[in-house]
């Protein structure tokens, strides 16, 4: 497992939220769990570009930060479900607002992202 060598800067709310939500798939995981996709296989289908390993690591980090809870049912084969905690539910309006901002600025964001990708591919 990865061991952090640099102690995180936790001096303000932006530092704290960055520490908790840093990770390519975490916001999507929280949103999809909120929408009712609770099983790891469902989450994998919703985010096919992410490996199962990376999703498991990020789900564990969300669990460690008290944003999701993990329920393991004592059945064979094992059944696992993730749910938002009460604390995790407080992030949903924030994630929704970010998504709405992205939708409202979709054209511009798409242009600057594709422009940057084209520049990187030329070098």
PDB file of N, CA and C in Angstrom:
ATOM      1  N   UNK A   1       0.846  -1.181   0.000  1.00  0.00           N
ATOM      2  CA  UNK A   1       0.000   0.000   0.000  1.00  0.00           C
ATOM      3  C   UNK A   1       0.886   1.237   0.000  1.00  0.00           C
ATOM      4  N   UNK A   2       0.409   2.263  -0.645  1.00  0.00           N
ATOM      5  CA  UNK A   2       1.123   3.530  -0.735  1.00  0.00           C
ATOM      6  C   UNK A   2       1.272   4.159   0.640  1.00  0.00           C
ATOM      7  N   UNK A   3       2.481   4.611   0.931  1.00  0.00           N
ATOM      8  CA  UNK A   3       2.726   5.298   2.196  1.00  0.00           C
ATOM      9  C   UNK A   3       3.110   6.736   1.904  1.00  0.00           C
ATOM     10  N   UNK A   4       2.336   7.678   2.419  1.00  0.00           N
ATOM     11  CA  UNK A   4       2.559   9.098   2.162  1.00  0.00           C
ATOM     12  C   UNK A   4       3.828   9.566   2.863  1.00  0.00           C
ATOM     13  N   UNK A   5       4.661  10.294   2.105  1.00  0.00           N
ATOM     14  CA  UNK A   5       5.918  10.792   2.656  1.00  0.00           C
ATOM     15  C   UNK A   5       5.820  12.260   3.076  1.00  0.00           C
ATOM     16  N   UNK A   6       4.894  12.991   2.466  1.00  0.00           N
ATOM     17  CA  UNK A   6       4.730  14.404   2.780  1.00  0.00           C
ATOM     18  C   UNK A   6       3.443  14.575   3.578  1.00  0.00           C
ATOM     19  N   UNK A   7       3.542  15.225   4.706  1.00  0.00           N
ATOM     20  CA  UNK A   7       2.371  15.461   5.550  1.00  0.00           C
ATOM     21  C   UNK A   7       1.472  16.480   4.848  1.00  0.00           C
ATOM     22  N   UNK A   8       0.167  16.195   4.751  1.00  0.00           N
ATOM     23  CA  UNK A   8      -0.719  17.118   4.037  1.00  0.00           C
ATOM     24  C   UNK A   8      -0.896  18.435   4.775  1.00  0.00           C
ATOM     25  N   UNK A   9      -1.123  19.476   3.993  1.00  0.00           N
ATOM     26  CA  UNK A   9      -1.403  20.798   4.529  1.00  0.00           C
ATOM     27  C   UNK A   9      -2.903  20.861   4.816  1.00  0.00           C
ATOM     28  N   UNK A  10      -3.280  21.022   6.063  1.00  0.00           N
ATOM     29  CA  UNK A  10      -4.689  21.008   6.453  1.00  0.00           C
ATOM     30  C   UNK A  10      -5.089  22.309   7.136  1.00  0.00           C
ATOM     31  N   UNK A  11      -4.695  23.424   6.537  1.00  0.00           N
ATOM     32  CA  UNK A  11      -4.894  24.723   7.178  1.00  0.00           C
ATOM     33  C   UNK A  11      -6.215  25.394   6.864  1.00  0.00           C
ATOM     34  N   UNK A  12      -6.928  24.938   5.829  1.00  0.00           N
ATOM     35  CA  UNK A  12      -8.197  25.587   5.494  1.00  0.00           C
ATOM     36  C   UNK A  12      -9.146  24.569   4.872  1.00  0.00           C
ATOM     37  N   UNK A  13     -10.372  24.993   4.673  1.00  0.00           N
ATOM     38  CA  UNK A  13     -11.389  24.104   4.126  1.00  0.00           C
ATOM     39  C   UNK A  13     -11.029  23.534   2.768  1.00  0.00           C
ATOM     40  N   UNK A  14     -10.391  24.340   1.908  1.00  0.00           N
ATOM     41  CA  UNK A  14     -10.004  23.834   0.589  1.00  0.00           C
ATOM     42  C   UNK A  14      -8.950  22.738   0.695  1.00  0.00           C
ATOM     43  N   UNK A  15      -8.018  22.903   1.621  1.00  0.00           N
ATOM     44  CA  UNK A  15      -7.023  21.849   1.849  1.00  0.00           C
ATOM     45  C   UNK A  15      -7.711  20.568   2.311  1.00  0.00           C
ATOM     46  N   UNK A  16      -8.640  20.711   3.238  1.00  0.00           N
ATOM     47  CA  UNK A  16      -9.332  19.551   3.801  1.00  0.00           C
ATOM     48  C   UNK A  16     -10.163  18.828   2.746  1.00  0.00           C
ATOM     49  N   UNK A  17     -10.947  19.579   1.967  1.00  0.00           N
ATOM     50  CA  UNK A  17     -11.784  18.946   0.951  1.00  0.00           C
ATOM     51  C   UNK A  17     -10.914  18.317  -0.140  1.00  0.00           C
ATOM     52  N   UNK A  18      -9.807  18.962  -0.466  1.00  0.00           N
ATOM     53  CA  UNK A  18      -8.891  18.387  -1.449  1.00  0.00           C
ATOM     54  C   UNK A  18      -8.316  17.065  -0.959  1.00  0.00           C
ATOM     55  N   UNK A  19      -7.973  17.008   0.287  1.00  0.00           N
ATOM     56  CA  UNK A  19      -7.422  15.783   0.870  1.00  0.00           C
ATOM     57  C   UNK A  19      -8.451  14.656   0.838  1.00  0.00           C
ATOM     58  N   UNK A  20      -9.692  14.968   1.108  1.00  0.00           N
ATOM     59  CA  UNK A  20     -10.742  13.952   1.170  1.00  0.00           C
ATOM     60  C   UNK A  20     -11.204  13.526  -0.222  1.00  0.00           C
ATOM     61  N   UNK A  21     -11.271  14.462  -1.177  1.00  0.00           N
ATOM     62  CA  UNK A  21     -11.814  14.146  -2.495  1.00  0.00           C
ATOM     63  C   UNK A  21     -10.767  13.959  -3.584  1.00  0.00           C
ATOM     64  N   UNK A  22      -9.469  14.113  -3.231  1.00  0.00           N
ATOM     65  CA  UNK A  22      -8.432  13.906  -4.232  1.00  0.00           C
ATOM     66  C   UNK A  22      -8.490  12.462  -4.722  1.00  0.00           C
ATOM     67  N   UNK A  23      -8.561  12.291  -6.000  1.00  0.00           N
ATOM     68  CA  UNK A  23      -8.649  10.970  -6.616  1.00  0.00           C
ATOM     69  C   UNK A  23      -9.582  11.074  -7.807  1.00  0.00           C
ATOM     70  N   UNK A  24      -9.176  10.515  -8.904  1.00  0.00           N
ATOM     71  CA  UNK A  24      -9.894  10.703 -10.163  1.00  0.00           C
ATOM     72  C   UNK A  24     -11.357  10.277 -10.102  1.00  0.00           C
ATOM     73  N   UNK A  25     -11.678   9.259  -9.332  1.00  0.00           N
ATOM     74  CA  UNK A  25     -13.012   8.676  -9.383  1.00  0.00           C
ATOM     75  C   UNK A  25     -13.873   8.955  -8.153  1.00  0.00           C
ATOM     76  N   UNK A  26     -13.359   9.616  -7.142  1.00  0.00           N
ATOM     77  CA  UNK A  26     -14.090   9.738  -5.880  1.00  0.00           C
ATOM     78  C   UNK A  26     -15.404  10.498  -6.002  1.00  0.00           C
ATOM     79  N   UNK A  27     -15.417  11.597  -6.731  1.00  0.00           N
ATOM     80  CA  UNK A  27     -16.657  12.361  -6.864  1.00  0.00           C
ATOM     81  C   UNK A  27     -17.696  11.518  -7.592  1.00  0.00           C
ATOM     82  N   UNK A  28     -17.273  10.816  -8.637  1.00  0.00           N
ATOM     83  CA  UNK A  28     -18.209   9.957  -9.361  1.00  0.00           C
ATOM     84  C   UNK A  28     -18.703   8.814  -8.478  1.00  0.00           C
ATOM     85  N   UNK A  29     -17.816   8.217  -7.700  1.00  0.00           N
ATOM     86  CA  UNK A  29     -18.232   7.146  -6.794  1.00  0.00           C
ATOM     87  C   UNK A  29     -19.297   7.640  -5.820  1.00  0.00           C
ATOM     88  N   UNK A  30     -19.062   8.796  -5.220  1.00  0.00           N
ATOM     89  CA  UNK A  30     -20.043   9.348  -4.285  1.00  0.00           C
ATOM     90  C   UNK A  30     -21.383   9.594  -4.980  1.00  0.00           C
ATOM     91  N   UNK A  31     -21.330  10.146  -6.188  1.00  0.00           N
ATOM     92  CA  UNK A  31     -22.564  10.445  -6.916  1.00  0.00           C
ATOM     93  C   UNK A  31     -23.322   9.168  -7.267  1.00  0.00           C
ATOM     94  N   UNK A  32     -22.610   8.159  -7.768  1.00  0.00           N
ATOM     95  CA  UNK A  32     -23.281   6.920  -8.168  1.00  0.00           C
ATOM     96  C   UNK A  32     -23.827   6.158  -6.956  1.00  0.00           C
ATOM     97  N   UNK A  33     -23.120   6.197  -5.834  1.00  0.00           N
ATOM     98  CA  UNK A  33     -23.644   5.578  -4.612  1.00  0.00           C
ATOM     99  C   UNK A  33     -24.915   6.319  -4.186  1.00  0.00           C
ATOM    100  N   UNK A  34     -24.881   7.633  -4.281  1.00  0.00           N
ATOM    101  CA  UNK A  34     -26.067   8.445  -3.976  1.00  0.00           C
ATOM    102  C   UNK A  34     -27.246   8.063  -4.874  1.00  0.00           C
ATOM    103  N   UNK A  35     -26.974   7.735  -6.133  1.00  0.00           N
ATOM    104  CA  UNK A  35     -28.027   7.358  -7.080  1.00  0.00           C
ATOM    105  C   UNK A  35     -28.536   5.932  -6.862  1.00  0.00           C
ATOM    106  N   UNK A  36     -27.893   5.180  -5.971  1.00  0.00           N
ATOM    107  CA  UNK A  36     -28.377   3.842  -5.665  1.00  0.00           C
ATOM    108  C   UNK A  36     -27.523   2.708  -6.185  1.00  0.00           C
ATOM    109  N   UNK A  37     -26.404   3.016  -6.827  1.00  0.00           N
ATOM    110  CA  UNK A  37     -25.493   1.978  -7.314  1.00  0.00           C
ATOM    111  C   UNK A  37     -24.538   1.633  -6.164  1.00  0.00           C
ATOM    112  N   UNK A  38     -24.881   0.582  -5.426  1.00  0.00           N
ATOM    113  CA  UNK A  38     -24.182   0.316  -4.171  1.00  0.00           C
ATOM    114  C   UNK A  38     -23.191  -0.837  -4.236  1.00  0.00           C
ATOM    115  N   UNK A  39     -23.377  -1.739  -5.164  1.00  0.00           N
ATOM    116  CA  UNK A  39     -22.501  -2.911  -5.235  1.00  0.00           C
ATOM    117  C   UNK A  39     -21.247  -2.573  -6.035  1.00  0.00           C
ATOM    118  N   UNK A  40     -20.093  -3.142  -5.667  1.00  0.00           N
ATOM    119  CA  UNK A  40     -18.861  -2.864  -6.406  1.00  0.00           C
ATOM    120  C   UNK A  40     -18.985  -3.148  -7.907  1.00  0.00           C
ATOM    121  N   UNK A  41     -19.687  -4.219  -8.274  1.00  0.00           N
ATOM    122  CA  UNK A  41     -19.828  -4.541  -9.701  1.00  0.00           C
ATOM    123  C   UNK A  41     -20.655  -3.475 -10.428  1.00  0.00           C
ATOM    124  N   UNK A  42     -21.660  -2.907  -9.758  1.00  0.00           N
ATOM    125  CA  UNK A  42     -22.451  -1.827 -10.362  1.00  0.00           C
ATOM    126  C   UNK A  42     -21.591  -0.583 -10.562  1.00  0.00           C
ATOM    127  N   UNK A  43     -20.778  -0.269  -9.565  1.00  0.00           N
ATOM    128  CA  UNK A  43     -19.903   0.897  -9.659  1.00  0.00           C
ATOM    129  C   UNK A  43     -18.873   0.701 -10.764  1.00  0.00           C
ATOM    130  N   UNK A  44     -18.364  -0.512 -10.908  1.00  0.00           N
ATOM    131  CA  UNK A  44     -17.404  -0.816 -11.972  1.00  0.00           C
ATOM    132  C   UNK A  44     -18.045  -0.610 -13.346  1.00  0.00           C
ATOM    133  N   UNK A  45     -19.291  -1.017 -13.494  1.00  0.00           N
ATOM    134  CA  UNK A  45     -19.988  -0.824 -14.774  1.00  0.00           C
ATOM    135  C   UNK A  45     -20.233   0.658 -15.063  1.00  0.00           C
ATOM    136  N   UNK A  46     -20.485   1.452 -14.023  1.00  0.00           N
ATOM    137  CA  UNK A  46     -20.717   2.883 -14.201  1.00  0.00           C
ATOM    138  C   UNK A  46     -19.426   3.630 -14.538  1.00  0.00           C
ATOM    139  N   UNK A  47     -18.279   3.086 -14.107  1.00  0.00           N
ATOM    140  CA  UNK A  47     -16.981   3.731 -14.331  1.00  0.00           C
ATOM    141  C   UNK A  47     -16.047   2.695 -14.983  1.00  0.00           C
ATOM    142  N   UNK A  48     -16.296   2.324 -16.231  1.00  0.00           N
ATOM    143  CA  UNK A  48     -15.521   1.244 -16.849  1.00  0.00           C
ATOM    144  C   UNK A  48     -14.047   1.575 -17.092  1.00  0.00           C
ATOM    145  N   UNK A  49     -13.696   2.855 -17.135  1.00  0.00           N
ATOM    146  CA  UNK A  49     -12.297   3.220 -17.366  1.00  0.00           C
ATOM    147  C   UNK A  49     -11.417   3.012 -16.142  1.00  0.00           C
ATOM    148  N   UNK A  50     -12.026   2.834 -14.982  1.00  0.00           N
ATOM    149  CA  UNK A  50     -11.260   2.642 -13.744  1.00  0.00           C
ATOM    150  C   UNK A  50     -11.073   1.151 -13.482  1.00  0.00           C
ATOM    151  N   UNK A  51      -9.903   0.790 -13.036  1.00  0.00           N
ATOM    152  CA  UNK A  51      -9.660  -0.614 -12.692  1.00  0.00           C
ATOM    153  C   UNK A  51     -10.353  -0.941 -11.371  1.00  0.00           C
ATOM    154  N   UNK A  52     -10.654  -2.205 -11.179  1.00  0.00           N
ATOM    155  CA  UNK A  52     -11.292  -2.648  -9.933  1.00  0.00           C
ATOM    156  C   UNK A  52     -10.403  -2.287  -8.744  1.00  0.00           C
ATOM    157  N   UNK A  53      -9.094  -2.442  -8.903  1.00  0.00           N
ATOM    158  CA  UNK A  53      -8.148  -2.148  -7.826  1.00  0.00           C
ATOM    159  C   UNK A  53      -8.226  -0.673  -7.410  1.00  0.00           C
ATOM    160  N   UNK A  54      -8.207   0.221  -8.391  1.00  0.00           N
ATOM    161  CA  UNK A  54      -8.256   1.656  -8.091  1.00  0.00           C
ATOM    162  C   UNK A  54      -9.584   2.014  -7.436  1.00  0.00           C
ATOM    163  N   UNK A  55     -10.681   1.456  -7.943  1.00  0.00           N
ATOM    164  CA  UNK A  55     -11.976   1.734  -7.319  1.00  0.00           C
ATOM    165  C   UNK A  55     -11.998   1.254  -5.870  1.00  0.00           C
ATOM    166  N   UNK A  56     -11.450   0.076  -5.621  1.00  0.00           N
ATOM    167  CA  UNK A  56     -11.408  -0.442  -4.250  1.00  0.00           C
ATOM    168  C   UNK A  56     -10.579   0.455  -3.334  1.00  0.00           C
ATOM    169  N   UNK A  57      -9.456   0.938  -3.836  1.00  0.00           N
ATOM    170  CA  UNK A  57      -8.610   1.833  -3.035  1.00  0.00           C
ATOM    171  C   UNK A  57      -9.359   3.124  -2.729  1.00  0.00           C
ATOM    172  N   UNK A  58     -10.004   3.698  -3.736  1.00  0.00           N
ATOM    173  CA  UNK A  58     -10.696   4.960  -3.516  1.00  0.00           C
ATOM    174  C   UNK A  58     -11.941   4.773  -2.640  1.00  0.00           C
ATOM    175  N   UNK A  59     -12.639   3.654  -2.780  1.00  0.00           N
ATOM    176  CA  UNK A  59     -13.765   3.361  -1.883  1.00  0.00           C
ATOM    177  C   UNK A  59     -13.279   3.222  -0.442  1.00  0.00           C
ATOM    178  N   UNK A  60     -12.133   2.580  -0.244  1.00  0.00           N
ATOM    179  CA  UNK A  60     -11.561   2.430   1.101  1.00  0.00           C
ATOM    180  C   UNK A  60     -11.215   3.797   1.693  1.00  0.00           C
ATOM    181  N   UNK A  61     -10.646   4.681   0.864  1.00  0.00           N
ATOM    182  CA  UNK A  61     -10.316   6.022   1.345  1.00  0.00           C
ATOM    183  C   UNK A  61     -11.577   6.799   1.698  1.00  0.00           C
ATOM    184  N   UNK A  62     -12.626   6.676   0.880  1.00  0.00           N
ATOM    185  CA  UNK A  62     -13.899   7.330   1.203  1.00  0.00           C
ATOM    186  C   UNK A  62     -14.477   6.785   2.508  1.00  0.00           C
ATOM    187  N   UNK A  63     -14.302   5.490   2.707  1.00  0.00           N
ATOM    188  CA  UNK A  63     -14.749   4.867   3.962  1.00  0.00           C
ATOM    189  C   UNK A  63     -13.925   5.396   5.142  1.00  0.00           C
ATOM    190  N   UNK A  64     -12.617   5.497   4.965  1.00  0.00           N
ATOM    191  CA  UNK A  64     -11.744   6.005   6.029  1.00  0.00           C
ATOM    192  C   UNK A  64     -12.074   7.456   6.389  1.00  0.00           C
ATOM    193  N   UNK A  65     -12.562   8.217   5.399  1.00  0.00           N
ATOM    194  CA  UNK A  65     -12.923   9.616   5.639  1.00  0.00           C
ATOM    195  C   UNK A  65     -14.382   9.775   6.066  1.00  0.00           C
ATOM    196  N   UNK A  66     -15.031   8.672   6.383  1.00  0.00           N
ATOM    197  CA  UNK A  66     -16.400   8.672   6.913  1.00  0.00           C
ATOM    198  C   UNK A  66     -17.418   9.233   5.922  1.00  0.00           C
ATOM    199  N   UNK A  67     -17.162   9.057   4.617  1.00  0.00           N
ATOM    200  CA  UNK A  67     -18.106   9.506   3.608  1.00  0.00           C
ATOM    201  C   UNK A  67     -19.002   8.369   3.137  1.00  0.00           C
ATOM    202  N   UNK A  68     -18.485   7.140   3.175  1.00  0.00           N
ATOM    203  CA  UNK A  68     -19.289   5.966   2.822  1.00  0.00           C
ATOM    204  C   UNK A  68     -19.114   4.902   3.899  1.00  0.00           C
ATOM    205  N   UNK A  69     -20.119   4.053   3.995  1.00  0.00           N
ATOM    206  CA  UNK A  69     -20.003   2.895   4.880  1.00  0.00           C
ATOM    207  C   UNK A  69     -20.071   1.644   4.007  1.00  0.00           C
ATOM    208  N   UNK A  70     -19.426   0.613   4.469  1.00  0.00           N
ATOM    209  CA  UNK A  70     -19.356  -0.651   3.737  1.00  0.00           C
ATOM    210  C   UNK A  70     -20.079  -1.713   4.555  1.00  0.00           C
ATOM    211  N   UNK A  71     -21.001  -2.402   3.894  1.00  0.00           N
ATOM    212  CA  UNK A  71     -21.725  -3.491   4.549  1.00  0.00           C
ATOM    213  C   UNK A  71     -21.317  -4.787   3.856  1.00  0.00           C
ATOM    214  N   UNK A  72     -20.844  -5.734   4.644  1.00  0.00           N
ATOM    215  CA  UNK A  72     -20.485  -7.052   4.116  1.00  0.00           C
ATOM    216  C   UNK A  72     -21.510  -8.041   4.640  1.00  0.00           C
ATOM    217  N   UNK A  73     -22.251  -8.650   3.739  1.00  0.00           N
ATOM    218  CA  UNK A  73     -23.293  -9.611   4.123  1.00  0.00           C
ATOM    219  C   UNK A  73     -22.676 -11.005   4.241  1.00  0.00           C
ATOM    220  N   UNK A  74     -23.045 -11.757   5.275  1.00  0.00           N
ATOM    221  CA  UNK A  74     -22.464 -13.089   5.492  1.00  0.00           C
ATOM    222  C   UNK A  74     -23.141 -14.155   4.617  1.00  0.00           C
ATOM    223  N   UNK A  75     -22.912 -14.050   3.316  1.00  0.00           N
ATOM    224  CA  UNK A  75     -23.465 -15.021   2.374  1.00  0.00           C
ATOM    225  C   UNK A  75     -22.344 -15.506   1.463  1.00  0.00           C
ATOM    226  N   UNK A  76     -22.619 -16.598   0.763  1.00  0.00           N
ATOM    227  CA  UNK A  76     -21.654 -17.120  -0.211  1.00  0.00           C
ATOM    228  C   UNK A  76     -22.323 -17.091  -1.573  1.00  0.00           C
ATOM    229  N   UNK A  77     -21.731 -16.461  -2.572  1.00  0.00           N
ATOM    230  CA  UNK A  77     -20.508 -15.654  -2.511  1.00  0.00           C
ATOM    231  C   UNK A  77     -20.738 -14.362  -1.725  1.00  0.00           C
ATOM    232  N   UNK A  78     -19.648 -13.743  -1.253  1.00  0.00           N
ATOM    233  CA  UNK A  78     -19.782 -12.542  -0.426  1.00  0.00           C
ATOM    234  C   UNK A  78     -20.527 -11.431  -1.165  1.00  0.00           C
ATOM    235  N   UNK A  79     -21.346 -10.717  -0.430  1.00  0.00           N
ATOM    236  CA  UNK A  79     -22.082  -9.579  -0.980  1.00  0.00           C
ATOM    237  C   UNK A  79     -21.657  -8.338  -0.208  1.00  0.00           C
ATOM    238  N   UNK A  80     -21.258  -7.307  -0.958  1.00  0.00           N
ATOM    239  CA  UNK A  80     -20.792  -6.055  -0.359  1.00  0.00           C
ATOM    240  C   UNK A  80     -21.629  -4.918  -0.937  1.00  0.00           C
ATOM    241  N   UNK A  81     -22.008  -3.982  -0.088  1.00  0.00           N
ATOM    242  CA  UNK A  81     -22.713  -2.780  -0.527  1.00  0.00           C
ATOM    243  C   UNK A  81     -22.100  -1.561   0.150  1.00  0.00           C
ATOM    244  N   UNK A  82     -22.122  -0.459  -0.574  1.00  0.00           N
ATOM    245  CA  UNK A  82     -21.659   0.824  -0.044  1.00  0.00           C
ATOM    246  C   UNK A  82     -22.849   1.772   0.048  1.00  0.00           C
ATOM    247  N   UNK A  83     -22.875   2.545   1.110  1.00  0.00           N
ATOM    248  CA  UNK A  83     -23.898   3.567   1.312  1.00  0.00           C
ATOM    249  C   UNK A  83     -23.225   4.848   1.758  1.00  0.00           C
ATOM    250  N   UNK A  84     -23.859   5.979   1.441  1.00  0.00           N
ATOM    251  CA  UNK A  84     -23.356   7.244   1.959  1.00  0.00           C
ATOM    252  C   UNK A  84     -23.661   7.324   3.441  1.00  0.00           C
ATOM    253  N   UNK A  85     -22.713   7.835   4.200  1.00  0.00           N
ATOM    254  CA  UNK A  85     -22.971   8.134   5.606  1.00  0.00           C
ATOM    255  C   UNK A  85     -23.748   9.454   5.662  1.00  0.00           C
ATOM    256  N   UNK A  86     -24.224   9.806   6.828  1.00  0.00           N
ATOM    257  CA  UNK A  86     -24.887  11.109   6.983  1.00  0.00           C
ATOM    258  C   UNK A  86     -23.911  12.226   6.599  1.00  0.00           C
ATOM    259  N   UNK A  87     -22.656  12.065   6.983  1.00  0.00           N
ATOM    260  CA  UNK A  87     -21.623  13.046   6.632  1.00  0.00           C
ATOM    261  C   UNK A  87     -21.425  13.084   5.124  1.00  0.00           C
ATOM    262  N   UNK A  88     -21.387  11.928   4.480  1.00  0.00           N
ATOM    263  CA  UNK A  88     -21.228  11.856   3.029  1.00  0.00           C
ATOM    264  C   UNK A  88     -22.385  12.501   2.293  1.00  0.00           C
ATOM    265  N   UNK A  89     -23.585  12.372   2.832  1.00  0.00           N
ATOM    266  CA  UNK A  89     -24.765  12.973   2.192  1.00  0.00           C
ATOM    267  C   UNK A  89     -24.662  14.489   2.136  1.00  0.00           C
ATOM    268  N   UNK A  90     -23.900  15.093   3.051  1.00  0.00           N
ATOM    269  CA  UNK A  90     -23.761  16.551   3.043  1.00  0.00           C
ATOM    270  C   UNK A  90     -22.962  17.038   1.836  1.00  0.00           C
ATOM    271  N   UNK A  91     -22.218  16.152   1.188  1.00  0.00           N
ATOM    272  CA  UNK A  91     -21.443  16.523  -0.003  1.00  0.00           C
ATOM    273  C   UNK A  91     -22.271  16.524  -1.275  1.00  0.00           C
ATOM    274  N   UNK A  92     -23.407  15.861  -1.296  1.00  0.00           N
ATOM    275  CA  UNK A  92     -24.196  15.718  -2.516  1.00  0.00           C
ATOM    276  C   UNK A  92     -24.609  17.069  -3.110  1.00  0.00           C
ATOM    277  N   UNK A  93     -25.083  18.037  -2.327  1.00  0.00           N
ATOM    278  CA  UNK A  93     -25.407  19.347  -2.935  1.00  0.00           C
ATOM    279  C   UNK A  93     -24.180  20.024  -3.556  1.00  0.00           C
ATOM    280  N   UNK A  94     -23.015  19.836  -2.962  1.00  0.00           N
ATOM    281  CA  UNK A  94     -21.781  20.419  -3.491  1.00  0.00           C
ATOM    282  C   UNK A  94     -21.428  19.757  -4.820  1.00  0.00           C
ATOM    283  N   UNK A  95     -21.491  18.419  -4.861  1.00  0.00           N
ATOM    284  CA  UNK A  95     -21.195  17.684  -6.094  1.00  0.00           C
ATOM    285  C   UNK A  95     -22.211  18.055  -7.176  1.00  0.00           C
ATOM    286  N   UNK A  96     -23.467  18.189  -6.793  1.00  0.00           N
ATOM    287  CA  UNK A  96     -24.506  18.583  -7.742  1.00  0.00           C
ATOM    288  C   UNK A  96     -24.217  19.966  -8.322  1.00  0.00           C
ATOM    289  N   UNK A  97     -23.804  20.897  -7.475  1.00  0.00           N
ATOM    290  CA  UNK A  97     -23.486  22.257  -7.943  1.00  0.00           C
ATOM    291  C   UNK A  97     -22.294  22.235  -8.900  1.00  0.00           C
ATOM    292  N   UNK A  98     -21.290  21.432  -8.605  1.00  0.00           N
ATOM    293  CA  UNK A  98     -20.134  21.315  -9.497  1.00  0.00           C
ATOM    294  C   UNK A  98     -20.576  20.739 -10.842  1.00  0.00           C
ATOM    295  N   UNK A  99     -21.436  19.724 -10.816  1.00  0.00           N
ATOM    296  CA  UNK A  99     -21.948  19.136 -12.048  1.00  0.00           C
ATOM    297  C   UNK A  99     -22.750  20.133 -12.866  1.00  0.00           C
ATOM    298  N   UNK A 100     -23.576  20.935 -12.198  1.00  0.00           N
ATOM    299  CA  UNK A 100     -24.356  21.957 -12.900  1.00  0.00           C
ATOM    300  C   UNK A 100     -23.436  23.004 -13.528  1.00  0.00           C
ATOM    301  N   UNK A 101     -22.383  23.389 -12.829  1.00  0.00           N
ATOM    302  CA  UNK A 101     -21.415  24.334 -13.377  1.00  0.00           C
ATOM    303  C   UNK A 101     -20.754  23.739 -14.617  1.00  0.00           C
ATOM    304  N   UNK A 102     -20.390  22.464 -14.538  1.00  0.00           N
ATOM    305  CA  UNK A 102     -19.798  21.793 -15.694  1.00  0.00           C
ATOM    306  C   UNK A 102     -20.751  21.745 -16.872  1.00  0.00           C
ATOM    307  N   UNK A 103     -22.024  21.457 -16.602  1.00  0.00           N
ATOM    308  CA  UNK A 103     -23.029  21.434 -17.675  1.00  0.00           C
ATOM    309  C   UNK A 103     -23.190  22.823 -18.297  1.00  0.00           C
ATOM    310  N   UNK A 104     -23.231  23.856 -17.457  1.00  0.00           N
ATOM    311  CA  UNK A 104     -23.421  25.221 -17.954  1.00  0.00           C
ATOM    312  C   UNK A 104     -22.226  25.699 -18.777  1.00  0.00           C
ATOM    313  N   UNK A 105     -21.064  25.154 -18.513  1.00  0.00           N
ATOM    314  CA  UNK A 105     -19.836  25.580 -19.197  1.00  0.00           C
ATOM    315  C   UNK A 105     -19.252  24.483 -20.073  1.00  0.00           C
ATOM    316  N   UNK A 106     -20.094  23.535 -20.450  1.00  0.00           N
ATOM    317  CA  UNK A 106     -19.625  22.350 -21.174  1.00  0.00           C
ATOM    318  C   UNK A 106     -18.842  22.691 -22.437  1.00  0.00           C
ATOM    319  N   UNK A 107     -19.364  23.582 -23.262  1.00  0.00           N
ATOM    320  CA  UNK A 107     -18.703  23.898 -24.538  1.00  0.00           C
ATOM    321  C   UNK A 107     -17.299  24.454 -24.306  1.00  0.00           C
ATOM    322  N   UNK A 108     -17.208  25.436 -23.429  1.00  0.00           N
ATOM    323  CA  UNK A 108     -15.905  26.049 -23.164  1.00  0.00           C
ATOM    324  C   UNK A 108     -14.928  25.039 -22.546  1.00  0.00           C
ATOM    325  N   UNK A 109     -15.401  24.277 -21.576  1.00  0.00           N
ATOM    326  CA  UNK A 109     -14.536  23.294 -20.927  1.00  0.00           C
ATOM    327  C   UNK A 109     -14.038  22.245 -21.926  1.00  0.00           C
ATOM    328  N   UNK A 110     -14.947  21.767 -22.786  1.00  0.00           N
ATOM    329  CA  UNK A 110     -14.563  20.774 -23.790  1.00  0.00           C
ATOM    330  C   UNK A 110     -13.479  21.338 -24.719  1.00  0.00           C
ATOM    331  N   UNK A 111     -13.646  22.605 -25.137  1.00  0.00           N
ATOM    332  CA  UNK A 111     -12.668  23.243 -26.027  1.00  0.00           C
ATOM    333  C   UNK A 111     -11.291  23.341 -25.384  1.00  0.00           C
ATOM    334  N   UNK A 112     -11.235  23.819 -24.133  1.00  0.00           N
ATOM    335  CA  UNK A 112      -9.922  24.002 -23.505  1.00  0.00           C
ATOM    336  C   UNK A 112      -9.273  22.658 -23.174  1.00  0.00           C
ATOM    337  N   UNK A 113     -10.072  21.672 -22.829  1.00  0.00           N
ATOM    338  CA  UNK A 113      -9.506  20.344 -22.547  1.00  0.00           C
ATOM    339  C   UNK A 113      -8.956  19.737 -23.824  1.00  0.00           C
ATOM    340  N   UNK A 114      -9.725  19.786 -24.919  1.00  0.00           N
ATOM    341  CA  UNK A 114      -9.251  19.214 -26.184  1.00  0.00           C
ATOM    342  C   UNK A 114      -8.056  19.981 -26.724  1.00  0.00           C
ATOM    343  N   UNK A 115      -8.042  21.299 -26.557  1.00  0.00           N
ATOM    344  CA  UNK A 115      -6.900  22.109 -26.989  1.00  0.00           C
ATOM    345  C   UNK A 115      -5.639  21.680 -26.250  1.00  0.00           C
ATOM    346  N   UNK A 116      -5.772  21.482 -24.961  1.00  0.00           N
ATOM    347  CA  UNK A 116      -4.610  21.070 -24.161  1.00  0.00           C
ATOM    348  C   UNK A 116      -4.138  19.676 -24.571  1.00  0.00           C
ATOM    349  N   UNK A 117      -5.087  18.776 -24.804  1.00  0.00           N
ATOM    350  CA  UNK A 117      -4.711  17.421 -25.229  1.00  0.00           C
ATOM    351  C   UNK A 117      -4.000  17.443 -26.566  1.00  0.00           C
ATOM    352  N   UNK A 118      -4.450  18.291 -27.493  1.00  0.00           N
ATOM    353  CA  UNK A 118      -3.793  18.403 -28.796  1.00  0.00           C
ATOM    354  C   UNK A 118      -2.386  18.956 -28.666  1.00  0.00           C
ATOM    355  N   UNK A 119      -2.189  19.939 -27.791  1.00  0.00           N
ATOM    356  CA  UNK A 119      -0.869  20.498 -27.556  1.00  0.00           C
ATOM    357  C   UNK A 119       0.061  19.434 -26.962  1.00  0.00           C
ATOM    358  N   UNK A 120      -0.439  18.669 -26.001  1.00  0.00           N
ATOM    359  CA  UNK A 120       0.380  17.626 -25.383  1.00  0.00           C
ATOM    360  C   UNK A 120       0.746  16.542 -26.382  1.00  0.00           C
ATOM    361  N   UNK A 121      -0.174  16.193 -27.278  1.00  0.00           N
ATOM    362  CA  UNK A 121       0.094  15.154 -28.258  1.00  0.00           C
ATOM    363  C   UNK A 121       1.088  15.602 -29.321  1.00  0.00           C
ATOM    364  N   UNK A 122       1.192  16.923 -29.571  1.00  0.00           N
ATOM    365  CA  UNK A 122       2.147  17.436 -30.542  1.00  0.00           C
ATOM    366  C   UNK A 122       3.570  17.415 -30.001  1.00  0.00           C
ATOM    367  N   UNK A 123       3.714  17.470 -28.690  1.00  0.00           N
ATOM    368  CA  UNK A 123       5.070  17.507 -28.083  1.00  0.00           C
ATOM    369  C   UNK A 123       5.623  16.141 -27.883  1.00  0.00           C
TER     370      UNK A 123
END
